[in-house]
Amino acid sequence: MGSATEREIRWVESAWQRRITRVRRLTGGCTSTMLGLTGHDGEQAVLRLMTKEPWRRHAAGLLSREAAVQHQLQRSSIPAPRSVALDLSGDSAGAPAHLMSWLPGRLCLTSAADGILEAMAQVLVSIHQFAPGRDRPRQYQSWAAPDKRVVPPWAQRRQLWLQAFELLDQPVPAYAGTFLHRDFHLGNLLWSQGRVSGVVDWVETSWGPATLDVAHAATYLAMLHGVEAGARFTNAYRRRADDRHDEDGCRYWNVMDIVGYLPDPVKVVQPWRDSGLSISDDLARSRLEQRLEHVLRAH
């Protein structure tokens, strides 16, 4: 049926207590296979299948974290999916699986209008204000490991990258811990009637500096729409959060995020093209380098 196997369908029908009448492939994800499901009674759900490496190897931790966070967020105003069922090993579904509720709305990757950026900023402020209590998520992990700190062959300004690597060799700045989405960007937001109707993909939820979430969203926006879009989002967040930021700390976390896209940001570009956008690999690379220059010069 659709792009789901009989084994996957049997597991979902047993866990969801509904007969599946429709399966559709959802676009945009680069770590998992995402399927939209419709039950015989018209109810809808979303199935995440960890079919891609290296994420499949870490599926048990990623999926259990996502389910736990979704349970926590039910007591908040943040529009997150609700966890329905898990198969961490994949023994029943055929691949590690997480069945969750469906949220209304659509991706909106084509605009960086002020209204979009302000709504994004407000949702991110709400996420950072969420208090998980004793069930605090794991400490953040850097995606800019030392083995990534190699000047990429496509780089036009080698010295910028060497400066970035030198900065990351410095001690980690002090920070106040915050509840982080950790992969917050336009590709993980659903929109309906001009507002954010869903925040999805909670597998990387962490505890760490708020600027790391802000930086990730800004870098993504910069590659999609140019450096200025990323800067406008950062300013929108700071206004709403009343963020009295430390310049050196901000530079460090922003550079950490940018270097995390090495050796090549093309892995995030293909989902954009799948969604109908015309952005070449070279344009994304150039914009990432421009973002790095902006961060190093602006602070």
Protein backbone atom coordinates (compact mmCIF):
# COMPACT_ATOMS: atom_id res chain seq x y z
CA MET A 1 0.00 0.00 0.00
CA GLY A 2 1.60 3.26 -1.07
CA SER A 3 5.22 3.30 0.07
CA ALA A 4 4.68 1.23 3.23
CA THR A 5 5.35 -2.50 3.50
CA GLU A 6 2.77 -4.98 4.70
CA ARG A 7 4.80 -5.48 7.87
CA GLU A 8 4.76 -1.77 8.67
CA ILE A 9 1.03 -1.58 7.99
CA ARG A 10 0.31 -4.54 10.28
CA TRP A 11 2.27 -2.97 13.12
CA VAL A 12 0.56 0.41 12.75
CA GLU A 13 -2.92 -1.11 12.52
CA SER A 14 -2.30 -3.12 15.67
CA ALA A 15 -0.85 -0.17 17.61
CA TRP A 16 -3.34 2.41 16.32
CA GLN A 17 -6.38 0.13 16.34
CA ARG A 18 -7.41 1.33 12.90
CA ARG A 19 -7.38 -0.12 9.41
CA ILE A 20 -5.11 1.93 7.14
CA THR A 21 -6.79 3.13 3.95
CA ARG A 22 -4.14 5.50 2.59
CA VAL A 23 -0.37 5.95 2.84
CA ARG A 24 1.55 8.88 1.38
CA ARG A 25 5.24 9.75 1.45
CA LEU A 26 6.01 13.04 3.18
CA THR A 27 8.81 15.20 1.77
CA GLY A 28 11.39 17.26 3.56
CA GLY A 29 13.12 14.81 5.90
CA CYS A 30 16.75 13.82 5.43
CA THR A 31 17.20 11.45 8.38
CA SER A 32 14.09 9.25 8.21
CA THR A 33 11.36 7.94 5.97
CA MET A 34 8.21 9.87 6.90
CA LEU A 35 4.76 8.55 5.97
CA GLY A 36 1.36 10.15 6.33
CA LEU A 37 -1.35 7.62 7.21
CA THR A 38 -5.14 7.77 7.01
CA GLY A 39 -7.33 5.38 9.00
CA HIS A 40 -10.67 3.90 7.99
CA ASP A 41 -12.41 6.45 10.21
CA GLY A 42 -10.67 9.43 8.60
CA GLU A 43 -8.18 9.96 11.43
CA GLN A 44 -4.60 10.73 10.36
CA ALA A 45 -1.20 9.91 11.81
CA VAL A 46 2.48 10.18 10.90
CA LEU A 47 4.94 7.30 10.91
CA ARG A 48 8.67 7.91 11.27
CA LEU A 49 10.82 5.01 10.09
CA MET A 50 14.52 5.14 10.88
CA THR A 51 15.69 3.60 7.63
CA LYS A 52 18.75 5.75 6.96
CA GLU A 53 22.24 5.47 8.39
CA PRO A 54 23.84 6.61 10.63
CA TRP A 55 20.56 7.51 12.34
CA ARG A 56 19.24 3.95 12.23
CA ARG A 57 22.13 2.79 14.43
CA HIS A 58 21.07 5.32 17.06
CA ALA A 59 17.33 4.89 16.54
CA ALA A 60 16.52 3.61 20.04
CA GLY A 61 17.91 6.72 21.70
CA LEU A 62 16.55 9.14 19.11
CA LEU A 63 13.02 7.75 19.01
CA SER A 64 12.66 7.22 22.75
CA ARG A 65 13.80 10.82 23.29
CA GLU A 66 11.31 12.13 20.75
CA ALA A 67 8.44 10.21 22.36
CA ALA A 68 9.39 11.35 25.87
CA VAL A 69 9.61 14.99 24.80
CA GLN A 70 6.26 14.81 23.03
CA HIS A 71 4.69 13.46 26.22
CA GLN A 72 6.23 16.34 28.19
CA LEU A 73 5.06 18.98 25.74
CA GLN A 74 1.43 17.94 26.06
CA ARG A 75 1.30 20.19 29.14
CA SER A 76 2.55 23.18 27.14
CA SER A 77 1.13 25.46 24.44
CA ILE A 78 3.80 24.33 21.97
CA PRO A 79 2.09 22.63 18.99
CA ALA A 80 3.99 19.34 19.00
CA PRO A 81 2.75 15.92 17.84
CA ARG A 82 1.54 13.38 20.39
CA SER A 83 3.38 10.05 20.62
CA VAL A 84 1.14 7.06 19.87
CA ALA A 85 3.42 4.00 19.67
CA LEU A 86 7.10 3.00 19.47
CA ASP A 87 9.02 0.07 18.03
CA LEU A 88 12.58 0.92 19.04
CA SER A 89 14.16 -2.27 17.72
CA GLY A 90 12.17 -2.53 14.51
CA ASP A 91 11.42 -6.19 15.27
CA SER A 92 7.69 -5.67 14.67
CA ALA A 93 7.59 -2.83 12.13
CA GLY A 94 10.62 -3.93 10.12
CA ALA A 95 12.55 -0.76 10.98
CA PRO A 96 12.74 1.32 14.18
CA ALA A 97 9.46 3.22 14.15
CA HIS A 98 7.59 6.00 15.91
CA LEU A 99 3.89 6.49 15.28
CA MET A 100 2.62 9.93 16.24
CA SER A 101 -0.37 12.18 15.79
CA TRP A 102 -0.84 14.24 12.65
CA LEU A 103 -0.75 18.03 12.83
CA PRO A 104 -2.48 20.36 10.36
CA GLY A 105 -0.52 22.72 8.14
CA ARG A 106 2.08 22.79 5.41
CA LEU A 107 5.76 23.56 5.09
CA CYS A 108 6.54 27.13 4.05
CA LEU A 109 10.10 27.24 2.74
CA THR A 110 9.59 29.90 0.07
CA SER A 111 9.30 33.02 2.22
CA ALA A 112 11.38 34.91 4.76
CA ALA A 113 8.84 37.71 5.19
CA ASP A 114 8.85 39.56 8.48
CA GLY A 115 5.62 37.86 9.58
CA ILE A 116 7.18 34.43 9.07
CA LEU A 117 10.33 35.32 11.00
CA GLU A 118 8.42 36.95 13.86
CA ALA A 119 6.16 33.88 14.24
CA MET A 120 9.21 31.59 14.19
CA ALA A 121 10.89 33.71 16.85
CA GLN A 122 7.84 33.66 19.11
CA VAL A 123 7.56 29.86 18.94
CA LEU A 124 11.26 29.46 19.69
CA VAL A 125 10.98 31.76 22.72
CA SER A 126 8.12 29.56 23.97
CA ILE A 127 10.23 26.43 23.52
CA HIS A 128 13.10 27.97 25.46
CA GLN A 129 10.73 28.96 28.26
CA PHE A 130 9.47 25.40 28.70
CA ALA A 131 10.47 23.97 32.09
CA PRO A 132 10.98 20.19 31.91
CA GLY A 133 11.42 19.80 35.67
CA ARG A 134 13.49 16.84 36.77
CA ASP A 135 13.10 15.18 33.36
CA ARG A 136 15.61 17.46 31.72
CA PRO A 137 16.77 16.24 28.27
CA ARG A 138 20.35 15.23 27.60
CA GLN A 139 23.13 17.80 27.37
CA TYR A 140 23.54 19.27 23.89
CA GLN A 141 26.05 17.67 21.55
CA SER A 142 28.26 19.67 19.21
CA TRP A 143 27.82 18.83 15.54
CA ALA A 144 31.17 20.48 14.80
CA ALA A 145 33.46 17.68 15.95
CA PRO A 146 37.22 18.15 15.39
CA ASP A 147 37.22 15.78 12.40
CA LYS A 148 34.85 18.20 10.60
CA ARG A 149 37.26 21.09 10.96
CA VAL A 150 38.80 20.73 7.53
CA VAL A 151 38.55 23.47 4.91
CA PRO A 152 36.10 22.09 2.31
CA PRO A 153 37.25 21.85 -1.31
CA TRP A 154 34.42 24.14 -2.44
CA ALA A 155 35.47 26.97 -0.09
CA GLN A 156 36.27 30.30 -1.75
CA ARG A 157 37.70 31.94 1.36
CA ARG A 158 39.97 29.47 3.10
CA GLN A 159 41.06 31.94 5.79
CA LEU A 160 37.49 32.32 7.08
CA TRP A 161 37.26 28.62 7.82
CA LEU A 162 40.66 28.52 9.49
CA GLN A 163 39.52 31.40 11.69
CA ALA A 164 36.35 29.46 12.54
CA PHE A 165 38.32 26.35 13.50
CA GLU A 166 40.67 28.41 15.67
CA LEU A 167 37.68 29.88 17.49
CA LEU A 168 36.23 26.43 18.20
CA ASP A 169 39.55 25.35 19.69
CA GLN A 170 38.93 27.87 22.49
CA PRO A 171 37.18 26.87 25.75
CA VAL A 172 33.41 26.58 25.55
CA PRO A 173 31.81 29.84 26.77
CA ALA A 174 29.76 29.83 29.96
CA TYR A 175 26.01 29.70 29.34
CA ALA A 176 22.68 29.39 31.10
CA GLY A 177 21.05 26.07 30.26
CA THR A 178 17.77 26.09 28.33
CA PHE A 179 15.37 23.55 26.90
CA LEU A 180 16.37 23.26 23.22
CA HIS A 181 14.60 21.85 20.20
CA ARG A 182 18.13 21.53 18.77
CA ASP A 183 17.02 21.21 15.12
CA PHE A 184 14.74 24.24 14.89
CA HIS A 185 14.38 25.61 11.35
CA LEU A 186 11.79 26.28 8.65
CA GLY A 187 11.89 22.67 7.50
CA ASN A 188 10.52 21.51 10.87
CA LEU A 189 7.64 23.98 11.08
CA LEU A 190 4.08 23.57 9.78
CA TRP A 191 1.99 26.62 8.96
CA SER A 192 -1.75 27.25 8.79
CA GLN A 193 -3.45 30.62 8.26
CA GLY A 194 -0.22 32.51 8.82
CA ARG A 195 0.69 30.92 12.12
CA VAL A 196 2.86 28.01 13.21
CA SER A 197 0.50 25.04 13.57
CA GLY A 198 3.14 22.42 14.29
CA VAL A 199 6.74 22.00 15.44
CA VAL A 200 8.04 18.57 14.46
CA ASP A 201 11.21 16.45 14.68
CA TRP A 202 12.07 16.32 18.39
CA VAL A 203 14.70 13.57 18.19
CA GLU A 204 17.61 15.90 19.01
CA THR A 205 15.99 17.76 21.92
CA SER A 206 18.69 18.83 24.37
CA TRP A 207 19.68 21.12 27.22
CA GLY A 208 22.10 23.90 26.33
CA PRO A 209 22.57 27.54 25.26
CA ALA A 210 19.52 29.18 23.65
CA THR A 211 21.80 30.78 21.06
CA LEU A 212 22.50 27.34 19.58
CA ASP A 213 18.85 26.99 18.52
CA VAL A 214 18.77 30.57 17.24
CA ALA A 215 21.98 30.02 15.29
CA HIS A 216 20.69 26.84 13.66
CA ALA A 217 17.51 28.51 12.44
CA ALA A 218 19.46 31.52 11.19
CA THR A 219 22.01 29.45 9.27
CA TYR A 220 19.21 27.46 7.61
CA LEU A 221 17.45 30.70 6.65
CA ALA A 222 20.71 32.13 5.29
CA MET A 223 21.18 29.15 2.96
CA LEU A 224 17.54 29.31 1.87
CA HIS A 225 17.07 33.06 1.50
CA GLY A 226 20.39 34.79 2.06
CA VAL A 227 22.42 36.10 5.00
CA GLU A 228 20.09 39.02 5.65
CA ALA A 229 17.16 36.68 6.38
CA GLY A 230 19.18 34.88 9.04
CA ALA A 231 20.17 38.20 10.64
CA ARG A 232 16.56 39.42 10.70
CA PHE A 233 15.44 36.23 12.44
CA THR A 234 18.17 36.57 15.05
CA ASN A 235 17.08 40.14 15.76
CA ALA A 236 13.42 39.10 15.97
CA TYR A 237 14.29 36.45 18.55
CA ARG A 238 16.41 38.83 20.61
CA ARG A 239 13.61 41.40 20.74
CA ARG A 240 11.07 38.85 21.92
CA ALA A 241 13.40 37.12 24.37
CA ASP A 242 14.80 40.39 25.71
CA ASP A 243 18.12 38.69 25.03
CA ARG A 244 21.08 40.56 26.54
CA HIS A 245 23.54 38.44 24.64
CA ASP A 246 27.26 38.07 25.14
CA GLU A 247 28.92 38.87 21.81
CA ASP A 248 31.82 36.44 22.17
CA GLY A 249 29.49 33.65 23.23
CA CYS A 250 27.15 34.33 20.33
CA ARG A 251 30.04 34.19 17.89
CA TYR A 252 31.17 30.83 19.28
CA TRP A 253 27.72 29.15 19.11
CA ASN A 254 27.00 30.54 15.64
CA VAL A 255 30.33 29.31 14.33
CA MET A 256 29.73 25.90 15.93
CA ASP A 257 26.46 25.62 14.04
CA ILE A 258 27.96 26.67 10.70
CA VAL A 259 30.90 24.26 10.98
CA GLY A 260 28.40 21.53 11.82
CA TYR A 261 27.27 21.61 8.17
CA LEU A 262 30.71 20.52 6.93
CA PRO A 263 32.01 18.88 4.90
CA ASP A 264 29.10 19.89 2.66
CA PRO A 265 25.63 21.35 3.28
CA VAL A 266 24.16 19.55 0.26
CA LYS A 267 22.39 17.00 2.49
CA VAL A 268 19.84 19.66 3.44
CA VAL A 269 19.50 21.07 -0.07
CA GLN A 270 17.94 18.05 -1.76
CA PRO A 271 14.81 18.13 0.44
CA TRP A 272 14.40 21.79 -0.58
CA ARG A 273 14.46 20.78 -4.23
CA ASP A 274 12.05 17.94 -3.47
CA SER A 275 9.72 20.63 -2.15
CA GLY A 276 9.95 22.56 -5.43
CA LEU A 277 12.65 25.12 -4.64
CA SER A 278 15.40 25.85 -7.13
CA ILE A 279 18.56 26.12 -5.03
CA SER A 280 21.79 24.66 -6.37
CA ASP A 281 24.42 22.97 -4.25
CA ASP A 282 26.87 25.76 -5.12
CA LEU A 283 24.45 28.48 -4.05
CA ALA A 284 23.89 26.82 -0.67
CA ARG A 285 27.65 26.44 -0.19
CA SER A 286 28.28 30.08 -1.11
CA ARG A 287 25.57 31.29 1.27
CA LEU A 288 26.97 29.15 4.10
CA GLU A 289 30.36 30.79 3.61
CA GLN A 290 28.73 34.22 3.47
CA ARG A 291 26.94 33.41 6.72
CA LEU A 292 30.27 32.51 8.31
CA GLU A 293 31.79 35.82 7.19
CA HIS A 294 28.78 37.71 8.57
CA VAL A 295 29.04 35.99 11.95
CA LEU A 296 32.77 36.51 12.30
CA ARG A 297 32.59 40.15 11.22
CA ALA A 298 29.33 41.21 12.87
CA HIS A 299 30.21 40.28 16.45
